[in-house]
Amino acid sequence: MHNLHAQPRIRVEIGAGSYDAQARELPGDERDALYPRVVEKAPQFGEYQAKTERVIPLFELVRV
């Protein structure tokens, strides 16, 4: 997380393809609306969130 805040311009690699992107941490309301969908796809994130008091951040990656 600290790296994305310090350097939000990133290179995303998926399979043989790649693209440049800008990372943006989702603010509370956006994060809260999306987090249940993340947990639906990856239940371990819900388990992890239940074990900690801190809010697990979510980032949006926007192709540039």
C-alpha atoms as a PDB file:
ATOM      1  CA  MET A   1       0.000   0.000   0.000  1.00  0.00           C
ATOM      2  CA  HIS A   2       2.761   2.443   0.891  1.00  0.00           C
ATOM      3  CA  ASN A   3       4.445   1.784  -2.452  1.00  0.00           C
ATOM      4  CA  LEU A   4       1.248   2.572  -4.384  1.00  0.00           C
ATOM      5  CA  HIS A   5       0.822   5.836  -2.486  1.00  0.00           C
ATOM      6  CA  ALA A   6       4.444   6.794  -3.126  1.00  0.00           C
ATOM      7  CA  GLN A   7       4.425   5.722  -6.782  1.00  0.00           C
ATOM      8  CA  PRO A   8       0.868   5.399  -8.143  1.00  0.00           C
ATOM      9  CA  ARG A   9       2.022   5.034 -11.781  1.00  0.00           C
ATOM     10  CA  ILE A  10       2.453   1.313 -12.334  1.00  0.00           C
ATOM     11  CA  ARG A  11       2.817  -1.347 -15.001  1.00  0.00           C
ATOM     12  CA  VAL A  12       0.196  -4.118 -14.941  1.00  0.00           C
ATOM     13  CA  GLU A  13       1.145  -7.507 -16.401  1.00  0.00           C
ATOM     14  CA  ILE A  14      -1.546 -10.083 -17.193  1.00  0.00           C
ATOM     15  CA  GLY A  15      -0.394 -13.189 -19.005  1.00  0.00           C
ATOM     16  CA  ALA A  16       1.645 -12.087 -22.023  1.00  0.00           C
ATOM     17  CA  GLY A  17       0.103  -8.576 -22.066  1.00  0.00           C
ATOM     18  CA  SER A  18       0.852  -5.455 -20.068  1.00  0.00           C
ATOM     19  CA  TYR A  19      -0.257  -1.837 -19.758  1.00  0.00           C
ATOM     20  CA  ASP A  20       0.501   1.322 -17.776  1.00  0.00           C
ATOM     21  CA  ALA A  21      -1.970   2.281 -15.067  1.00  0.00           C
ATOM     22  CA  GLN A  22      -2.600   4.761 -12.278  1.00  0.00           C
ATOM     23  CA  ALA A  23      -3.457   3.365  -8.831  1.00  0.00           C
ATOM     24  CA  ARG A  24      -6.042   5.131  -6.680  1.00  0.00           C
ATOM     25  CA  GLU A  25      -7.040   4.054  -3.194  1.00  0.00           C
ATOM     26  CA  LEU A  26     -10.809   3.872  -2.976  1.00  0.00           C
ATOM     27  CA  PRO A  27     -12.294   6.207  -0.351  1.00  0.00           C
ATOM     28  CA  GLY A  28     -14.431   4.730   2.428  1.00  0.00           C
ATOM     29  CA  ASP A  29     -17.831   4.758   0.730  1.00  0.00           C
ATOM     30  CA  GLU A  30     -16.525   3.323  -2.549  1.00  0.00           C
ATOM     31  CA  ARG A  31     -14.407   0.743  -0.738  1.00  0.00           C
ATOM     32  CA  ASP A  32     -17.306  -0.291   1.504  1.00  0.00           C
ATOM     33  CA  ALA A  33     -19.619  -0.741  -1.489  1.00  0.00           C
ATOM     34  CA  LEU A  34     -17.107  -2.898  -3.383  1.00  0.00           C
ATOM     35  CA  TYR A  35     -15.578  -4.971  -0.567  1.00  0.00           C
ATOM     36  CA  PRO A  36     -18.449  -7.500  -0.361  1.00  0.00           C
ATOM     37  CA  ARG A  37     -17.882  -8.350  -4.039  1.00  0.00           C
ATOM     38  CA  VAL A  38     -14.189  -8.910  -3.334  1.00  0.00           C
ATOM     39  CA  VAL A  39     -15.078 -11.236  -0.444  1.00  0.00           C
ATOM     40  CA  GLU A  40     -17.552 -13.083  -2.665  1.00  0.00           C
ATOM     41  CA  LYS A  41     -14.739 -13.889  -5.114  1.00  0.00           C
ATOM     42  CA  ALA A  42     -12.009 -14.366  -2.482  1.00  0.00           C
ATOM     43  CA  PRO A  43     -13.495 -15.282   0.940  1.00  0.00           C
ATOM     44  CA  GLN A  44     -10.098 -15.141   2.633  1.00  0.00           C
ATOM     45  CA  PHE A  45     -10.298 -11.328   2.485  1.00  0.00           C
ATOM     46  CA  GLY A  46     -13.441 -11.433   4.636  1.00  0.00           C
ATOM     47  CA  GLU A  47     -11.736 -13.744   7.101  1.00  0.00           C
ATOM     48  CA  TYR A  48      -8.701 -11.471   7.240  1.00  0.00           C
ATOM     49  CA  GLN A  49     -10.857  -8.347   7.723  1.00  0.00           C
ATOM     50  CA  ALA A  50     -12.676 -10.046  10.624  1.00  0.00           C
ATOM     51  CA  LYS A  51      -9.355 -10.711  12.381  1.00  0.00           C
ATOM     52  CA  THR A  52      -8.053  -7.135  12.253  1.00  0.00           C
ATOM     53  CA  GLU A  53      -9.259  -3.736  13.420  1.00  0.00           C
ATOM     54  CA  ARG A  54      -7.699  -1.893  10.508  1.00  0.00           C
ATOM     55  CA  VAL A  55      -9.556  -1.390   7.255  1.00  0.00           C
ATOM     56  CA  ILE A  56      -8.065  -3.380   4.388  1.00  0.00           C
ATOM     57  CA  PRO A  57      -7.643  -0.894   1.531  1.00  0.00           C
ATOM     58  CA  LEU A  58      -8.786  -1.432  -2.038  1.00  0.00           C
ATOM     59  CA  PHE A  59      -7.189   0.209  -5.049  1.00  0.00           C
ATOM     60  CA  GLU A  60      -8.601   0.991  -8.463  1.00  0.00           C
ATOM     61  CA  LEU A  61      -6.166   0.570 -11.360  1.00  0.00           C
ATOM     62  CA  VAL A  62      -6.984   2.880 -14.263  1.00  0.00           C
ATOM     63  CA  ARG A  63      -5.332   2.277 -17.612  1.00  0.00           C
ATOM     64  CA  VAL A  64      -3.407   5.341 -18.838  1.00  0.00           C
END
